C-alpha atoms as a PDB file:
ATOM      1  CA  UNK A   1     -24.470   6.015  16.527  1.00  0.00           C
ATOM      2  CA  UNK A   2     -22.952   6.217  20.398  1.00  0.00           C
ATOM      3  CA  UNK A   3     -23.184   4.815  23.657  1.00  0.00           C
ATOM      4  CA  UNK A   4     -26.506   5.086  24.146  1.00  0.00           C
ATOM      5  CA  UNK A   5     -27.370   3.792  20.572  1.00  0.00           C
ATOM      6  CA  UNK A   6     -29.494  -0.098  20.846  1.00  0.00           C
ATOM      7  CA  UNK A   7     -27.297  -2.935  18.254  1.00  0.00           C
ATOM      8  CA  UNK A   8     -28.601  -4.738  15.937  1.00  0.00           C
ATOM      9  CA  UNK A   9     -28.346  -8.421  16.622  1.00  0.00           C
ATOM     10  CA  UNK A  10     -25.692  -9.877  19.064  1.00  0.00           C
ATOM     11  CA  UNK A  11     -21.697 -10.051  17.586  1.00  0.00           C
ATOM     12  CA  UNK A  12     -19.730  -9.596  19.701  1.00  0.00           C
ATOM     13  CA  UNK A  13     -16.830  -5.702  18.698  1.00  0.00           C
ATOM     14  CA  UNK A  14     -14.048  -7.352  18.410  1.00  0.00           C
ATOM     15  CA  UNK A  15     -10.739  -4.626  18.161  1.00  0.00           C
ATOM     16  CA  UNK A  16      -7.226  -5.036  16.925  1.00  0.00           C
ATOM     17  CA  UNK A  17      -5.353  -2.510  17.813  1.00  0.00           C
ATOM     18  CA  UNK A  18      -1.447  -2.624  18.561  1.00  0.00           C
ATOM     19  CA  UNK A  19       1.433  -0.797  16.717  1.00  0.00           C
ATOM     20  CA  UNK A  20       1.785  -0.058  12.397  1.00  0.00           C
ATOM     21  CA  UNK A  21       3.353  -3.173  11.511  1.00  0.00           C
ATOM     22  CA  UNK A  22       2.495  -5.207  13.869  1.00  0.00           C
ATOM     23  CA  UNK A  23       0.801  -7.938  11.564  1.00  0.00           C
ATOM     24  CA  UNK A  24      -2.588  -7.410  12.138  1.00  0.00           C
ATOM     25  CA  UNK A  25      -4.277  -7.416   9.267  1.00  0.00           C
ATOM     26  CA  UNK A  26      -2.510 -10.461   8.720  1.00  0.00           C
ATOM     27  CA  UNK A  27      -4.153 -11.859  11.173  1.00  0.00           C
ATOM     28  CA  UNK A  28      -7.437 -10.652  10.463  1.00  0.00           C
ATOM     29  CA  UNK A  29      -7.190 -12.807   7.124  1.00  0.00           C
ATOM     30  CA  UNK A  30      -6.492 -16.001   9.003  1.00  0.00           C
ATOM     31  CA  UNK A  31      -8.959 -15.332  11.499  1.00  0.00           C
ATOM     32  CA  UNK A  32     -11.588 -14.324   9.086  1.00  0.00           C
ATOM     33  CA  UNK A  33     -10.670 -18.077   7.247  1.00  0.00           C
ATOM     34  CA  UNK A  34     -11.243 -19.823  10.407  1.00  0.00           C
ATOM     35  CA  UNK A  35     -14.302 -18.967  11.281  1.00  0.00           C
ATOM     36  CA  UNK A  36     -17.062 -17.846   8.676  1.00  0.00           C
ATOM     37  CA  UNK A  37     -18.449 -15.905  12.009  1.00  0.00           C
ATOM     38  CA  UNK A  38     -16.045 -13.056  11.566  1.00  0.00           C
ATOM     39  CA  UNK A  39     -16.359 -10.438   9.410  1.00  0.00           C
ATOM     40  CA  UNK A  40     -13.345  -6.968   9.182  1.00  0.00           C
ATOM     41  CA  UNK A  41     -14.939  -3.870   9.194  1.00  0.00           C
ATOM     42  CA  UNK A  42     -12.749  -1.677   6.172  1.00  0.00           C
ATOM     43  CA  UNK A  43     -12.181   1.642   7.248  1.00  0.00           C
ATOM     44  CA  UNK A  44     -11.386   4.759   5.548  1.00  0.00           C
ATOM     45  CA  UNK A  45      -8.196   6.609   5.093  1.00  0.00           C
ATOM     46  CA  UNK A  46      -6.813   9.322   3.774  1.00  0.00           C
ATOM     47  CA  UNK A  47      -3.459   7.612   2.875  1.00  0.00           C
ATOM     48  CA  UNK A  48      -2.327   6.770   0.103  1.00  0.00           C
ATOM     49  CA  UNK A  49      -2.867   3.231  -1.769  1.00  0.00           C
ATOM     50  CA  UNK A  50      -0.567   0.756  -1.292  1.00  0.00           C
ATOM     51  CA  UNK A  51       0.627  -1.862  -3.763  1.00  0.00           C
ATOM     52  CA  UNK A  52      -1.885  -4.604  -4.093  1.00  0.00           C
ATOM     53  CA  UNK A  53      -4.235  -2.480  -1.886  1.00  0.00           C
ATOM     54  CA  UNK A  54      -7.602  -3.307  -3.412  1.00  0.00           C
ATOM     55  CA  UNK A  55      -9.955  -0.152  -2.421  1.00  0.00           C
ATOM     56  CA  UNK A  56     -13.330  -1.163  -0.147  1.00  0.00           C
ATOM     57  CA  UNK A  57     -11.365  -4.802   0.488  1.00  0.00           C
ATOM     58  CA  UNK A  58      -8.501  -3.054   2.575  1.00  0.00           C
ATOM     59  CA  UNK A  59      -9.345  -0.162   3.480  1.00  0.00           C
ATOM     60  CA  UNK A  60     -11.743   2.614   1.682  1.00  0.00           C
ATOM     61  CA  UNK A  61      -9.543   4.541   0.157  1.00  0.00           C
ATOM     62  CA  UNK A  62     -10.842   8.449   0.139  1.00  0.00           C
ATOM     63  CA  UNK A  63      -9.406  12.744  -0.462  1.00  0.00           C
ATOM     64  CA  UNK A  64      -9.695  14.962   2.524  1.00  0.00           C
ATOM     65  CA  UNK A  65     -12.806  16.317   0.881  1.00  0.00           C
ATOM     66  CA  UNK A  66     -14.588  12.934   0.614  1.00  0.00           C
ATOM     67  CA  UNK A  67     -13.306  11.707   4.350  1.00  0.00           C
ATOM     68  CA  UNK A  68     -14.324  15.261   5.199  1.00  0.00           C
ATOM     69  CA  UNK A  69     -17.890  15.092   3.873  1.00  0.00           C
ATOM     70  CA  UNK A  70     -18.840  12.205   5.945  1.00  0.00           C
ATOM     71  CA  UNK A  71     -17.532  13.664   9.143  1.00  0.00           C
ATOM     72  CA  UNK A  72     -19.992  15.984   8.597  1.00  0.00           C
ATOM     73  CA  UNK A  73     -22.438  13.310   7.690  1.00  0.00           C
ATOM     74  CA  UNK A  74     -22.271  11.706  11.197  1.00  0.00           C
ATOM     75  CA  UNK A  75     -20.418   9.104   9.162  1.00  0.00           C
ATOM     76  CA  UNK A  76     -18.251   7.533  10.882  1.00  0.00           C
ATOM     77  CA  UNK A  77     -18.040   6.033  15.355  1.00  0.00           C
ATOM     78  CA  UNK A  78     -14.221   6.873  15.530  1.00  0.00           C
ATOM     79  CA  UNK A  79     -11.736   8.729  13.667  1.00  0.00           C
ATOM     80  CA  UNK A  80      -8.151   9.979  13.696  1.00  0.00           C
ATOM     81  CA  UNK A  81      -5.171  12.067  12.679  1.00  0.00           C
ATOM     82  CA  UNK A  82      -2.388   9.189  12.530  1.00  0.00           C
ATOM     83  CA  UNK A  83       1.189  10.616  11.143  1.00  0.00           C
ATOM     84  CA  UNK A  84       0.210  12.909   9.110  1.00  0.00           C
ATOM     85  CA  UNK A  85      -3.641  10.696   7.156  1.00  0.00           C
ATOM     86  CA  UNK A  86      -6.567  10.004   8.448  1.00  0.00           C
ATOM     87  CA  UNK A  87      -8.287   6.348   9.696  1.00  0.00           C
ATOM     88  CA  UNK A  88     -12.191   5.778  10.718  1.00  0.00           C
ATOM     89  CA  UNK A  89     -14.482   3.568  10.650  1.00  0.00           C
ATOM     90  CA  UNK A  90     -18.069   3.625   8.854  1.00  0.00           C
ATOM     91  CA  UNK A  91     -21.498   3.559  11.206  1.00  0.00           C
ATOM     92  CA  UNK A  92     -22.728   1.769   8.320  1.00  0.00           C
ATOM     93  CA  UNK A  93     -20.102  -0.987   8.269  1.00  0.00           C
ATOM     94  CA  UNK A  94     -20.739  -1.542  12.193  1.00  0.00           C
ATOM     95  CA  UNK A  95     -23.993  -2.224  12.227  1.00  0.00           C
ATOM     96  CA  UNK A  96     -23.869  -3.936   8.720  1.00  0.00           C
ATOM     97  CA  UNK A  97     -22.385  -6.952  10.596  1.00  0.00           C
ATOM     98  CA  UNK A  98     -23.892  -6.272  13.358  1.00  0.00           C
ATOM     99  CA  UNK A  99     -26.655  -6.491  12.052  1.00  0.00           C
ATOM    100  CA  UNK A 100     -26.491  -9.740  10.334  1.00  0.00           C
ATOM    101  CA  UNK A 101     -25.676 -11.647  14.028  1.00  0.00           C
ATOM    102  CA  UNK A 102     -22.324 -12.055  13.323  1.00  0.00           C
ATOM    103  CA  UNK A 103     -18.689 -10.646  15.391  1.00  0.00           C
ATOM    104  CA  UNK A 104     -17.211  -7.744  13.750  1.00  0.00           C
ATOM    105  CA  UNK A 105     -13.863  -7.015  13.954  1.00  0.00           C
ATOM    106  CA  UNK A 106     -11.824  -4.231  13.352  1.00  0.00           C
ATOM    107  CA  UNK A 107      -7.829  -3.438  11.857  1.00  0.00           C
ATOM    108  CA  UNK A 108      -7.697   0.042  14.295  1.00  0.00           C
ATOM    109  CA  UNK A 109      -5.332   2.596  16.520  1.00  0.00           C
ATOM    110  CA  UNK A 110      -4.657   2.710  19.603  1.00  0.00           C
ATOM    111  CA  UNK A 111      -6.448   6.206  19.467  1.00  0.00           C
ATOM    112  CA  UNK A 112      -9.588   5.000  17.563  1.00  0.00           C
ATOM    113  CA  UNK A 113     -10.099   1.834  19.534  1.00  0.00           C
ATOM    114  CA  UNK A 114      -9.997   3.088  22.803  1.00  0.00           C
ATOM    115  CA  UNK A 115     -12.704   5.465  21.328  1.00  0.00           C
ATOM    116  CA  UNK A 116     -14.909   3.052  20.602  1.00  0.00           C
ATOM    117  CA  UNK A 117     -14.743   1.288  23.727  1.00  0.00           C
ATOM    118  CA  UNK A 118     -16.053   4.338  25.285  1.00  0.00           C
ATOM    119  CA  UNK A 119     -18.827   4.244  23.177  1.00  0.00           C
ATOM    120  CA  UNK A 120     -20.092   1.150  22.874  1.00  0.00           C
ATOM    121  CA  UNK A 121     -18.119  -1.287  25.840  1.00  0.00           C
ATOM    122  CA  UNK A 122     -20.270  -3.764  26.221  1.00  0.00           C
ATOM    123  CA  UNK A 123     -19.499  -4.752  22.711  1.00  0.00           C
ATOM    124  CA  UNK A 124     -16.335  -4.357  22.146  1.00  0.00           C
ATOM    125  CA  UNK A 125     -13.510  -7.359  22.710  1.00  0.00           C
ATOM    126  CA  UNK A 126     -10.231  -5.102  22.692  1.00  0.00           C
ATOM    127  CA  UNK A 127      -7.200  -7.077  22.217  1.00  0.00           C
ATOM    128  CA  UNK A 128      -3.529  -5.787  21.905  1.00  0.00           C
ATOM    129  CA  UNK A 129      -1.584  -7.091  19.168  1.00  0.00           C
ATOM    130  CA  UNK A 130       2.543  -6.986  20.254  1.00  0.00           C
ATOM    131  CA  UNK A 131       5.664  -7.904  17.965  1.00  0.00           C
ATOM    132  CA  UNK A 132       8.143  -9.697  20.243  1.00  0.00           C
ATOM    133  CA  UNK A 133      10.582  -7.324  20.493  1.00  0.00           C
ATOM    134  CA  UNK A 134      10.919  -3.213  18.580  1.00  0.00           C
ATOM    135  CA  UNK A 135      13.678  -3.867  16.248  1.00  0.00           C
ATOM    136  CA  UNK A 136      11.588  -6.944  15.414  1.00  0.00           C
ATOM    137  CA  UNK A 137       8.655  -4.315  14.913  1.00  0.00           C
ATOM    138  CA  UNK A 138      11.512  -2.908  12.716  1.00  0.00           C
ATOM    139  CA  UNK A 139      12.708  -5.549   9.960  1.00  0.00           C
ATOM    140  CA  UNK A 140       9.038  -5.330   9.464  1.00  0.00           C
ATOM    141  CA  UNK A 141       7.989  -1.967   9.150  1.00  0.00           C
ATOM    142  CA  UNK A 142      11.009  -2.043   6.662  1.00  0.00           C
ATOM    143  CA  UNK A 143      10.574  -5.025   4.815  1.00  0.00           C
ATOM    144  CA  UNK A 144       7.117  -3.307   3.927  1.00  0.00           C
ATOM    145  CA  UNK A 145       9.345  -0.970   1.343  1.00  0.00           C
ATOM    146  CA  UNK A 146       5.836   1.843   2.299  1.00  0.00           C
ATOM    147  CA  UNK A 147       7.960   4.070   4.505  1.00  0.00           C
ATOM    148  CA  UNK A 148      11.895   6.439   4.323  1.00  0.00           C
ATOM    149  CA  UNK A 149      13.818   6.778   7.049  1.00  0.00           C
ATOM    150  CA  UNK A 150      11.934   9.585   8.539  1.00  0.00           C
ATOM    151  CA  UNK A 151       8.680   8.264   8.495  1.00  0.00           C
ATOM    152  CA  UNK A 152       9.936   4.358   9.839  1.00  0.00           C
ATOM    153  CA  UNK A 153      10.940   7.413  13.177  1.00  0.00           C
ATOM    154  CA  UNK A 154       8.232   9.114  13.491  1.00  0.00           C
ATOM    155  CA  UNK A 155       6.640   5.256  13.495  1.00  0.00           C
ATOM    156  CA  UNK A 156       8.137   4.377  15.618  1.00  0.00           C
ATOM    157  CA  UNK A 157       8.287   7.779  18.350  1.00  0.00           C
ATOM    158  CA  UNK A 158       4.351   6.793  18.181  1.00  0.00           C
ATOM    159  CA  UNK A 159       4.479   2.998  18.717  1.00  0.00           C
ATOM    160  CA  UNK A 160       6.196   4.200  21.957  1.00  0.00           C
ATOM    161  CA  UNK A 161       3.522   5.410  23.179  1.00  0.00           C
ATOM    162  CA  UNK A 162       1.115   2.908  21.262  1.00  0.00           C
ATOM    163  CA  UNK A 163       3.120   0.520  24.427  1.00  0.00           C
ATOM    164  CA  UNK A 164       2.100   2.683  27.030  1.00  0.00           C
ATOM    165  CA  UNK A 165      -1.979   2.371  26.641  1.00  0.00           C
ATOM    166  CA  UNK A 166      -1.406  -1.710  26.600  1.00  0.00           C
ATOM    167  CA  UNK A 167      -3.601  -1.520  30.054  1.00  0.00           C
ATOM    168  CA  UNK A 168      -6.556  -0.244  28.599  1.00  0.00           C
ATOM    169  CA  UNK A 169      -7.311  -3.914  26.743  1.00  0.00           C
ATOM    170  CA  UNK A 170      -8.776  -6.873  27.987  1.00  0.00           C
ATOM    171  CA  UNK A 171      -5.553  -9.346  26.196  1.00  0.00           C
ATOM    172  CA  UNK A 172      -2.617  -8.565  24.596  1.00  0.00           C
ATOM    173  CA  UNK A 173      -0.734 -11.569  22.162  1.00  0.00           C
ATOM    174  CA  UNK A 174       2.847 -11.795  20.672  1.00  0.00           C
ATOM    175  CA  UNK A 175       2.551 -11.949  17.740  1.00  0.00           C
ATOM    176  CA  UNK A 176       6.109 -14.024  16.752  1.00  0.00           C
ATOM    177  CA  UNK A 177       4.281 -17.385  14.880  1.00  0.00           C
ATOM    178  CA  UNK A 178       1.240 -16.393  12.887  1.00  0.00           C
ATOM    179  CA  UNK A 179      -0.147 -19.922  13.030  1.00  0.00           C
ATOM    180  CA  UNK A 180      -0.277 -19.533  17.548  1.00  0.00           C
ATOM    181  CA  UNK A 181      -1.699 -16.017  17.596  1.00  0.00           C
ATOM    182  CA  UNK A 182      -4.463 -16.837  15.513  1.00  0.00           C
ATOM    183  CA  UNK A 183      -5.195 -19.898  17.724  1.00  0.00           C
ATOM    184  CA  UNK A 184      -5.090 -17.716  21.024  1.00  0.00           C
ATOM    185  CA  UNK A 185      -6.763 -14.981  19.281  1.00  0.00           C
ATOM    186  CA  UNK A 186      -9.897 -17.424  18.330  1.00  0.00           C
ATOM    187  CA  UNK A 187     -10.182 -18.927  21.626  1.00  0.00           C
ATOM    188  CA  UNK A 188     -10.813 -15.351  23.380  1.00  0.00           C
ATOM    189  CA  UNK A 189     -13.026 -15.345  20.471  1.00  0.00           C
ATOM    190  CA  UNK A 190     -14.418 -18.877  22.193  1.00  0.00           C
ATOM    191  CA  UNK A 191     -14.249 -17.708  24.925  1.00  0.00           C
ATOM    192  CA  UNK A 192     -15.900 -14.036  25.268  1.00  0.00           C
ATOM    193  CA  UNK A 193     -18.519 -15.446  23.024  1.00  0.00           C
ATOM    194  CA  UNK A 194     -19.589 -18.233  25.806  1.00  0.00           C
ATOM    195  CA  UNK A 195     -19.465 -15.469  28.157  1.00  0.00           C
ATOM    196  CA  UNK A 196     -22.351 -13.692  26.085  1.00  0.00           C
ATOM    197  CA  UNK A 197     -24.393 -16.384  25.885  1.00  0.00           C
ATOM    198  CA  UNK A 198     -24.947 -16.747  29.738  1.00  0.00           C
ATOM    199  CA  UNK A 199     -25.326 -13.458  30.263  1.00  0.00           C
ATOM    200  CA  UNK A 200     -28.162 -13.293  27.743  1.00  0.00           C
ATOM    201  CA  UNK A 201     -28.961 -16.437  29.100  1.00  0.00           C
ATOM    202  CA  UNK A 202     -29.744 -15.673  32.644  1.00  0.00           C
END
């Protein structure tokens, strides 16, 4: 799949990006509860499975060998190394969802989001998610109890770079109150659906 590939179906490719710990996964879950036409693209990762995470639902947890084999077989639409772990968007997931005329949502890092938008600009809706403040973001990351102090420092360094990439996104939302931000994202999606439908009808 590349920039010239034709996709089956007319679904949107919704890219939800932002710093680690900003709450992208929670927003995705709420969006799917409220709109049955939105389906989640499950990414592959080489990081360890966290408490309560389900393989095939939260991520496909790959070994380094499995990830490399998928990469060698051109199975990723994009991939990136973040905090020493590799993450990739599976072409098969995207094709399955868009082929069913559903909107496909990705919870993805900034590097990956920009890569996909470069390859499929006509399909993408780019949404950048921010925390109310840096202090609140650190509190959320710490509350997950998945990262040690050194890891948190590394993540915050990455966060500062990611924030400089916000201008590459069409929309920005602040995840302060969950219900409010989910409503904002749903409004964006509905407006994009109307705009795409109008363009097709012309």
